[in-house]
Every structure is written in C-alpha cells, then in structure tokens.
Amino acid sequence: MGPSSVFLTTIIYTVLAITTFTYFSEAQLAKSIWATLEMWKIVSIPFVERFEYIGIANWNLIILPNICIALWGASMILKRSFKLRQKKGVIILALICLIAIPFFDTRAKINLLNDWVAKIGFSVTFVYIPFLFIATMVAKKVKKNDK
C-alpha cells in the first residue's frame, strides 16, 4: 500500500468518471445517486444474473487502499498524541468504524456525514493549520525577544 496503490485508484476513478460522463447526460447524473451501480446494471452476461454484485465486490478492492491509508494516518495521530501503540490504535479505530457503519443506513444520513466531514476538513485545512502556523511564529518571536 504505497504511492502505486493510490495512483492506480486515481486512474480507475478517472477512467470511471470519464466513462460515466460519456454514458449519462447531465440531467441523468443529477437524478442518479450511484451512477456506477446503474452502469453495472446494464451489463448482461448469460451466466451471471446480477453483475452489480460482482462490481460491488470488486469495488471494495479499489476502496481498500484508501481506507488503509486513512486508518494508518489516524493511528499515527493516536500514537503521537496519546503514546498508544500503533497496532492498538488501528484496531480501535477499525472497531469504531465497524460499530458506526450500521448507523448510516440511509442516503440522507450518508449525505449528512459527508457534509460534516467536508466542513471539518475545510476548518482544519484553512483555519486550524494557519492558526497553528501564526501561533508558532508568534511564540518563536516572543521566545527570541526573551533571550
């Protein structure tokens, strides 16, 4: 799980997005919740009744590297913040995710989760990190002036 897996995932997403944009019109995409799933429903193979099941199972292989990188990063934060062994941190975070998944059973709840994660991510990126930078610069100036 390194840069090559992230690169491959990005390539797959890009090809799938281009395929989706060429297959569906803008109005159809506006109405569709899962356009990829709808494309898989079109596939007709004589010996496979529901091809989308195969597609969903294979999609897990595409999502897995992203989940692993996120769990690794979060466990590193736990390791540095709370002096918790990384192996225990990964297990704890994975269990929290597994326990939380059943609570997001409707599309509205998933959209709400996406909105909250987007707001938190925006706040961290454009508010918290610049604030830390400014606070660090001020602290260095104060420390330098004390000497």
N, C-alpha and C. Protein backbone atom coordinates (compact mmCIF):
# COMPACT_ATOMS: atom_id res chain seq x y z
N MET A 1 0.84 -1.17 0.00
CA MET A 1 0.00 0.00 0.00
C MET A 1 0.89 1.24 0.00
N GLY A 2 1.20 1.68 -1.09
CA GLY A 2 2.05 2.86 -1.20
C GLY A 2 1.52 3.78 -2.26
N PRO A 3 2.42 4.57 -2.80
CA PRO A 3 2.01 5.51 -3.84
C PRO A 3 1.43 4.83 -5.07
N SER A 4 1.90 3.61 -5.37
CA SER A 4 1.38 2.92 -6.55
C SER A 4 -0.10 2.56 -6.40
N SER A 5 -0.52 2.17 -5.20
CA SER A 5 -1.93 1.82 -5.00
C SER A 5 -2.82 3.07 -5.09
N VAL A 6 -2.34 4.18 -4.57
CA VAL A 6 -3.10 5.42 -4.66
C VAL A 6 -3.17 5.87 -6.12
N PHE A 7 -2.05 5.72 -6.83
CA PHE A 7 -2.03 6.09 -8.25
C PHE A 7 -3.00 5.22 -9.05
N LEU A 8 -2.99 3.93 -8.80
CA LEU A 8 -3.89 3.02 -9.51
C LEU A 8 -5.35 3.36 -9.19
N THR A 9 -5.65 3.64 -7.94
CA THR A 9 -7.00 4.02 -7.56
C THR A 9 -7.43 5.30 -8.28
N THR A 10 -6.52 6.26 -8.36
CA THR A 10 -6.82 7.52 -9.05
C THR A 10 -7.09 7.28 -10.53
N ILE A 11 -6.30 6.42 -11.15
CA ILE A 11 -6.50 6.09 -12.57
C ILE A 11 -7.86 5.42 -12.77
N ILE A 12 -8.21 4.50 -11.90
CA ILE A 12 -9.50 3.80 -12.01
C ILE A 12 -10.65 4.79 -11.85
N TYR A 13 -10.55 5.69 -10.86
CA TYR A 13 -11.59 6.70 -10.67
C TYR A 13 -11.72 7.59 -11.91
N THR A 14 -10.59 7.98 -12.47
CA THR A 14 -10.60 8.86 -13.63
C THR A 14 -11.25 8.19 -14.83
N VAL A 15 -10.86 6.95 -15.10
CA VAL A 15 -11.46 6.21 -16.22
C VAL A 15 -12.96 6.03 -15.99
N LEU A 16 -13.34 5.69 -14.77
CA LEU A 16 -14.75 5.51 -14.47
C LEU A 16 -15.52 6.82 -14.61
N ALA A 17 -14.93 7.93 -14.17
CA ALA A 17 -15.60 9.23 -14.30
C ALA A 17 -15.79 9.60 -15.77
N ILE A 18 -14.76 9.40 -16.57
CA ILE A 18 -14.87 9.71 -18.00
C ILE A 18 -15.93 8.84 -18.66
N THR A 19 -15.95 7.55 -18.30
CA THR A 19 -16.97 6.65 -18.84
C THR A 19 -18.37 7.10 -18.42
N THR A 20 -18.52 7.48 -17.18
CA THR A 20 -19.82 7.93 -16.67
C THR A 20 -20.27 9.20 -17.37
N PHE A 21 -19.35 10.15 -17.55
CA PHE A 21 -19.71 11.41 -18.20
C PHE A 21 -20.09 11.21 -19.66
N THR A 22 -19.50 10.21 -20.31
CA THR A 22 -19.86 9.96 -21.70
C THR A 22 -21.16 9.15 -21.82
N TYR A 23 -21.44 8.32 -20.86
CA TYR A 23 -22.63 7.46 -20.94
C TYR A 23 -23.91 8.20 -20.54
N PHE A 24 -23.85 8.96 -19.44
CA PHE A 24 -25.05 9.63 -18.92
C PHE A 24 -25.08 11.09 -19.35
N SER A 25 -26.29 11.61 -19.51
CA SER A 25 -26.45 13.04 -19.75
C SER A 25 -26.36 13.77 -18.41
N GLU A 26 -26.28 15.08 -18.47
CA GLU A 26 -26.18 15.87 -17.23
C GLU A 26 -27.45 15.73 -16.38
N ALA A 27 -28.60 15.68 -17.03
CA ALA A 27 -29.87 15.53 -16.30
C ALA A 27 -29.95 14.16 -15.63
N GLN A 28 -29.47 13.12 -16.31
CA GLN A 28 -29.49 11.78 -15.71
C GLN A 28 -28.55 11.71 -14.51
N LEU A 29 -27.39 12.35 -14.62
CA LEU A 29 -26.44 12.35 -13.50
C LEU A 29 -26.98 13.12 -12.30
N ALA A 30 -27.76 14.17 -12.57
CA ALA A 30 -28.34 14.95 -11.48
C ALA A 30 -29.34 14.12 -10.69
N LYS A 31 -30.06 13.20 -11.38
CA LYS A 31 -31.06 12.36 -10.71
C LYS A 31 -30.45 11.10 -10.09
N SER A 32 -29.33 10.66 -10.61
CA SER A 32 -28.74 9.40 -10.17
C SER A 32 -27.98 9.57 -8.87
N ILE A 33 -28.15 8.61 -7.97
CA ILE A 33 -27.40 8.62 -6.72
C ILE A 33 -26.09 7.88 -6.90
N TRP A 34 -26.14 6.68 -7.46
CA TRP A 34 -24.95 5.88 -7.71
C TRP A 34 -24.91 5.53 -9.19
N ALA A 35 -24.29 6.40 -9.98
CA ALA A 35 -24.24 6.20 -11.42
C ALA A 35 -23.44 4.94 -11.78
N THR A 36 -22.39 4.66 -11.03
CA THR A 36 -21.58 3.47 -11.30
C THR A 36 -22.43 2.21 -11.17
N LEU A 37 -23.22 2.14 -10.14
CA LEU A 37 -24.08 0.98 -9.93
C LEU A 37 -25.09 0.84 -11.06
N GLU A 38 -25.60 1.96 -11.54
CA GLU A 38 -26.54 1.91 -12.65
C GLU A 38 -25.86 1.43 -13.93
N MET A 39 -24.59 1.79 -14.12
CA MET A 39 -23.87 1.29 -15.29
C MET A 39 -23.65 -0.21 -15.18
N TRP A 40 -23.38 -0.70 -13.99
CA TRP A 40 -23.17 -2.14 -13.81
C TRP A 40 -24.45 -2.93 -14.05
N LYS A 41 -25.61 -2.31 -13.80
CA LYS A 41 -26.88 -2.99 -14.03
C LYS A 41 -27.13 -3.24 -15.52
N ILE A 42 -26.48 -2.46 -16.37
CA ILE A 42 -26.67 -2.59 -17.81
C ILE A 42 -25.98 -3.84 -18.34
N VAL A 43 -24.87 -4.22 -17.71
CA VAL A 43 -24.09 -5.36 -18.18
C VAL A 43 -24.93 -6.63 -18.10
N SER A 44 -24.92 -7.37 -19.21
CA SER A 44 -25.70 -8.60 -19.26
C SER A 44 -24.79 -9.76 -19.68
N ILE A 45 -24.58 -10.68 -18.77
CA ILE A 45 -23.78 -11.86 -19.04
C ILE A 45 -24.71 -13.06 -18.81
N PRO A 46 -24.73 -14.02 -19.74
CA PRO A 46 -25.69 -15.13 -19.63
C PRO A 46 -25.58 -15.94 -18.33
N PHE A 47 -24.39 -16.13 -17.82
CA PHE A 47 -24.24 -16.98 -16.63
C PHE A 47 -24.22 -16.19 -15.32
N VAL A 48 -24.29 -14.85 -15.41
CA VAL A 48 -24.33 -14.01 -14.20
C VAL A 48 -25.62 -13.20 -14.25
N GLU A 49 -26.49 -13.47 -13.31
CA GLU A 49 -27.79 -12.81 -13.29
C GLU A 49 -27.67 -11.33 -12.88
N ARG A 50 -26.91 -11.05 -11.82
CA ARG A 50 -26.78 -9.69 -11.31
C ARG A 50 -25.31 -9.30 -11.28
N PHE A 51 -24.84 -8.65 -12.33
CA PHE A 51 -23.43 -8.29 -12.46
C PHE A 51 -23.02 -7.25 -11.42
N GLU A 52 -23.97 -6.44 -10.95
CA GLU A 52 -23.60 -5.39 -10.00
C GLU A 52 -23.05 -5.96 -8.69
N TYR A 53 -23.43 -7.18 -8.32
CA TYR A 53 -22.84 -7.80 -7.13
C TYR A 53 -21.34 -8.03 -7.32
N ILE A 54 -20.96 -8.46 -8.50
CA ILE A 54 -19.54 -8.66 -8.79
C ILE A 54 -18.83 -7.30 -8.79
N GLY A 55 -19.48 -6.30 -9.36
CA GLY A 55 -18.89 -4.96 -9.38
C GLY A 55 -18.70 -4.38 -8.00
N ILE A 56 -19.68 -4.56 -7.13
CA ILE A 56 -19.57 -4.06 -5.76
C ILE A 56 -18.46 -4.79 -5.01
N ALA A 57 -18.37 -6.09 -5.19
CA ALA A 57 -17.30 -6.84 -4.52
C ALA A 57 -15.93 -6.39 -5.00
N ASN A 58 -15.78 -6.15 -6.29
CA ASN A 58 -14.50 -5.68 -6.81
C ASN A 58 -14.22 -4.23 -6.42
N TRP A 59 -15.26 -3.44 -6.24
CA TRP A 59 -15.07 -2.05 -5.84
C TRP A 59 -14.43 -1.97 -4.45
N ASN A 60 -14.69 -2.96 -3.62
CA ASN A 60 -14.03 -3.00 -2.31
C ASN A 60 -12.51 -3.03 -2.45
N LEU A 61 -12.01 -3.69 -3.48
CA LEU A 61 -10.57 -3.73 -3.70
C LEU A 61 -10.01 -2.37 -4.09
N ILE A 62 -10.84 -1.52 -4.66
CA ILE A 62 -10.41 -0.18 -5.03
C ILE A 62 -10.45 0.74 -3.81
N ILE A 63 -11.43 0.55 -2.97
CA ILE A 63 -11.60 1.40 -1.79
C ILE A 63 -10.60 1.03 -0.69
N LEU A 64 -10.24 -0.24 -0.60
CA LEU A 64 -9.39 -0.73 0.49
C LEU A 64 -8.09 0.05 0.69
N PRO A 65 -7.31 0.39 -0.35
CA PRO A 65 -6.08 1.16 -0.10
C PRO A 65 -6.34 2.51 0.55
N ASN A 66 -7.42 3.17 0.16
CA ASN A 66 -7.75 4.47 0.76
C ASN A 66 -8.12 4.33 2.23
N ILE A 67 -8.86 3.28 2.56
CA ILE A 67 -9.22 3.04 3.95
C ILE A 67 -7.97 2.74 4.77
N CYS A 68 -7.08 1.94 4.22
CA CYS A 68 -5.84 1.59 4.94
C CYS A 68 -4.98 2.81 5.20
N ILE A 69 -4.85 3.68 4.21
CA ILE A 69 -4.05 4.90 4.40
C ILE A 69 -4.68 5.80 5.45
N ALA A 70 -6.00 5.93 5.42
CA ALA A 70 -6.68 6.76 6.43
C ALA A 70 -6.53 6.17 7.83
N LEU A 71 -6.68 4.86 7.97
CA LEU A 71 -6.51 4.22 9.28
C LEU A 71 -5.06 4.36 9.77
N TRP A 72 -4.11 4.21 8.86
CA TRP A 72 -2.70 4.36 9.25
C TRP A 72 -2.43 5.78 9.74
N GLY A 73 -2.93 6.78 8.99
CA GLY A 73 -2.71 8.17 9.40
C GLY A 73 -3.37 8.49 10.73
N ALA A 74 -4.58 8.02 10.92
CA ALA A 74 -5.28 8.26 12.19
C ALA A 74 -4.59 7.55 13.34
N SER A 75 -4.07 6.34 13.09
CA SER A 75 -3.38 5.63 14.17
C SER A 75 -2.05 6.29 14.50
N MET A 76 -1.41 6.91 13.52
CA MET A 76 -0.18 7.67 13.80
C MET A 76 -0.47 8.88 14.68
N ILE A 77 -1.61 9.51 14.43
CA ILE A 77 -2.01 10.64 15.29
C ILE A 77 -2.24 10.17 16.71
N LEU A 78 -2.93 9.02 16.87
CA LEU A 78 -3.14 8.47 18.21
C LEU A 78 -1.81 8.11 18.86
N LYS A 79 -0.90 7.55 18.08
CA LYS A 79 0.40 7.15 18.62
C LYS A 79 1.17 8.37 19.13
N ARG A 80 1.18 9.44 18.36
CA ARG A 80 1.94 10.63 18.76
C ARG A 80 1.23 11.44 19.84
N SER A 81 -0.09 11.44 19.82
CA SER A 81 -0.83 12.26 20.79
C SER A 81 -0.98 11.58 22.14
N PHE A 82 -1.27 10.30 22.13
CA PHE A 82 -1.59 9.60 23.37
C PHE A 82 -0.61 8.49 23.73
N LYS A 83 0.50 8.41 23.01
CA LYS A 83 1.52 7.38 23.27
C LYS A 83 0.91 5.97 23.25
N LEU A 84 -0.02 5.77 22.33
CA LEU A 84 -0.68 4.48 22.17
C LEU A 84 0.03 3.72 21.06
N ARG A 85 0.28 2.43 21.26
CA ARG A 85 0.92 1.64 20.21
C ARG A 85 0.07 1.69 18.95
N GLN A 86 0.75 1.77 17.81
CA GLN A 86 0.02 1.94 16.56
C GLN A 86 -0.88 0.75 16.25
N LYS A 87 -0.44 -0.44 16.58
CA LYS A 87 -1.26 -1.62 16.31
C LYS A 87 -2.58 -1.55 17.07
N LYS A 88 -2.53 -1.13 18.33
CA LYS A 88 -3.75 -0.99 19.11
C LYS A 88 -4.61 0.14 18.56
N GLY A 89 -3.97 1.22 18.10
CA GLY A 89 -4.71 2.34 17.53
C GLY A 89 -5.48 1.95 16.29
N VAL A 90 -4.84 1.16 15.42
CA VAL A 90 -5.52 0.70 14.20
C VAL A 90 -6.72 -0.17 14.57
N ILE A 91 -6.53 -1.07 15.52
CA ILE A 91 -7.62 -1.97 15.92
C ILE A 91 -8.77 -1.18 16.52
N ILE A 92 -8.46 -0.21 17.38
CA ILE A 92 -9.51 0.60 18.00
C ILE A 92 -10.27 1.40 16.94
N LEU A 93 -9.54 2.04 16.04
CA LEU A 93 -10.19 2.84 15.00
C LEU A 93 -11.03 1.98 14.06
N ALA A 94 -10.51 0.80 13.71
CA ALA A 94 -11.28 -0.10 12.84
C ALA A 94 -12.56 -0.56 13.52
N LEU A 95 -12.48 -0.85 14.82
CA LEU A 95 -13.68 -1.25 15.55
C LEU A 95 -14.69 -0.11 15.64
N ILE A 96 -14.19 1.12 15.86
CA ILE A 96 -15.09 2.27 15.89
C ILE A 96 -15.81 2.43 14.55
N CYS A 97 -15.06 2.27 13.46
CA CYS A 97 -15.67 2.36 12.13
C CYS A 97 -16.71 1.27 11.92
N LEU A 98 -16.38 0.04 12.31
CA LEU A 98 -17.32 -1.06 12.14
C LEU A 98 -18.58 -0.88 12.98
N ILE A 99 -18.44 -0.30 14.16
CA ILE A 99 -19.60 -0.06 15.01
C ILE A 99 -20.45 1.08 14.45
N ALA A 100 -19.79 2.09 13.85
CA ALA A 100 -20.51 3.27 13.35
C ALA A 100 -21.24 3.02 12.03
N ILE A 101 -20.76 2.08 11.24
CA ILE A 101 -21.33 1.86 9.90
C ILE A 101 -22.84 1.60 9.90
N PRO A 102 -23.38 0.75 10.78
CA PRO A 102 -24.84 0.49 10.72
C PRO A 102 -25.70 1.72 10.99
N PHE A 103 -25.15 2.75 11.62
CA PHE A 103 -25.95 3.94 11.90
C PHE A 103 -26.19 4.79 10.65
N PHE A 104 -25.39 4.58 9.61
CA PHE A 104 -25.54 5.33 8.37
C PHE A 104 -26.23 4.43 7.34
N ASP A 105 -27.53 4.22 7.55
CA ASP A 105 -28.27 3.27 6.75
C ASP A 105 -29.11 3.90 5.64
N THR A 106 -29.21 5.21 5.60
CA THR A 106 -29.96 5.87 4.53
C THR A 106 -29.05 6.85 3.80
N ARG A 107 -29.46 7.20 2.60
CA ARG A 107 -28.67 8.14 1.81
C ARG A 107 -28.61 9.52 2.48
N ALA A 108 -29.68 9.92 3.16
CA ALA A 108 -29.70 11.22 3.84
C ALA A 108 -28.66 11.26 4.95
N LYS A 109 -28.54 10.17 5.71
CA LYS A 109 -27.54 10.12 6.78
C LYS A 109 -26.11 10.13 6.22
N ILE A 110 -25.92 9.44 5.10
CA ILE A 110 -24.60 9.44 4.47
C ILE A 110 -24.25 10.83 3.96
N ASN A 111 -25.23 11.52 3.37
CA ASN A 111 -25.01 12.90 2.91
C ASN A 111 -24.70 13.82 4.07
N LEU A 112 -25.39 13.63 5.20
CA LEU A 112 -25.12 14.43 6.39
C LEU A 112 -23.69 14.19 6.88
N LEU A 113 -23.27 12.92 6.90
CA LEU A 113 -21.90 12.60 7.29
C LEU A 113 -20.90 13.25 6.34
N ASN A 114 -21.15 13.17 5.04
CA ASN A 114 -20.26 13.80 4.06
C ASN A 114 -20.16 15.30 4.26
N ASP A 115 -21.30 15.94 4.56
CA ASP A 115 -21.29 17.39 4.80
C ASP A 115 -20.47 17.75 6.02
N TRP A 116 -20.64 16.98 7.11
CA TRP A 116 -19.89 17.26 8.33
C TRP A 116 -18.39 17.04 8.13
N VAL A 117 -18.03 15.97 7.45
CA VAL A 117 -16.61 15.70 7.20
C VAL A 117 -16.02 16.80 6.32
N ALA A 118 -16.77 17.28 5.34
CA ALA A 118 -16.29 18.35 4.48
C ALA A 118 -16.08 19.64 5.27
N LYS A 119 -17.03 19.96 6.16
CA LYS A 119 -16.89 21.17 6.97
C LYS A 119 -15.70 21.08 7.92
N ILE A 120 -15.54 19.92 8.55
CA ILE A 120 -14.40 19.73 9.47
C ILE A 120 -13.08 19.79 8.70
N GLY A 121 -13.04 19.13 7.54
CA GLY A 121 -11.83 19.17 6.73
C GLY A 121 -11.48 20.57 6.28
N PHE A 122 -12.49 21.33 5.87
CA PHE A 122 -12.25 22.73 5.48
C PHE A 122 -11.72 23.54 6.66
N SER A 123 -12.34 23.35 7.82
CA SER A 123 -11.92 24.09 9.00
C SER A 123 -10.48 23.76 9.38
N VAL A 124 -10.13 22.50 9.35
CA VAL A 124 -8.77 22.10 9.71
C VAL A 124 -7.77 22.66 8.70
N THR A 125 -8.10 22.57 7.43
CA THR A 125 -7.16 22.98 6.39
C THR A 125 -6.99 24.49 6.33
N PHE A 126 -8.07 25.23 6.40
CA PHE A 126 -7.99 26.66 6.15
C PHE A 126 -8.12 27.54 7.40
N VAL A 127 -8.38 26.95 8.56
CA VAL A 127 -8.48 27.74 9.79
C VAL A 127 -7.44 27.26 10.81
N TYR A 128 -7.50 25.99 11.17
CA TYR A 128 -6.68 25.47 12.25
C TYR A 128 -5.19 25.46 11.90
N ILE A 129 -4.82 24.96 10.73
CA ILE A 129 -3.40 24.90 10.35
C ILE A 129 -2.79 26.29 10.20
N PRO A 130 -3.45 27.25 9.52
CA PRO A 130 -2.87 28.61 9.51
C PRO A 130 -2.78 29.23 10.90
N PHE A 131 -3.78 28.96 11.75
CA PHE A 131 -3.73 29.46 13.13
C PHE A 131 -2.52 28.88 13.87
N LEU A 132 -2.27 27.59 13.73
CA LEU A 132 -1.10 26.97 14.36
C LEU A 132 0.20 27.59 13.84
N PHE A 133 0.26 27.84 12.54
CA PHE A 133 1.44 28.45 11.96
C PHE A 133 1.69 29.83 12.55
N ILE A 134 0.65 30.65 12.62
CA ILE A 134 0.78 32.00 13.18
C ILE A 134 1.15 31.94 14.66
N ALA A 135 0.50 31.03 15.41
CA ALA A 135 0.81 30.90 16.83
C ALA A 135 2.25 30.46 17.04
N THR A 136 2.74 29.57 16.20
CA THR A 136 4.14 29.12 16.31
C THR A 136 5.09 30.26 16.01
N MET A 137 4.79 31.04 14.98
CA MET A 137 5.66 32.17 14.64
C MET A 137 5.68 33.20 15.76
N VAL A 138 4.53 33.49 16.36
CA VAL A 138 4.46 34.44 17.48
C VAL A 138 5.24 33.89 18.67
N ALA A 139 5.09 32.61 18.97
CA ALA A 139 5.81 32.01 20.09
C ALA A 139 7.31 32.07 19.87
N LYS A 140 7.77 31.85 18.65
CA LYS A 140 9.21 31.94 18.36
C LYS A 140 9.72 33.36 18.53
N LYS A 141 8.91 34.35 18.10
CA LYS A 141 9.30 35.75 18.27
C LYS A 141 9.41 36.13 19.74
N VAL A 142 8.42 35.70 20.53
CA VAL A 142 8.41 36.01 21.96
C VAL A 142 9.60 35.35 22.64
N LYS A 143 9.87 34.10 22.30
CA LYS A 143 10.99 33.38 22.87
C LYS A 143 12.31 34.04 22.50
N LYS A 144 12.42 34.52 21.26
CA LYS A 144 13.63 35.16 20.78
C LYS A 144 13.85 36.49 21.50
N ASN A 145 12.75 37.23 21.73
CA ASN A 145 12.84 38.51 22.42
C ASN A 145 13.17 38.35 23.89
N ASP A 146 12.78 37.21 24.53
CA ASP A 146 13.08 36.98 25.93
C ASP A 146 14.56 36.76 26.16
N LYS A 147 15.24 36.18 25.17
CA LYS A 147 16.67 35.93 25.32
C LYS A 147 17.41 37.17 25.06
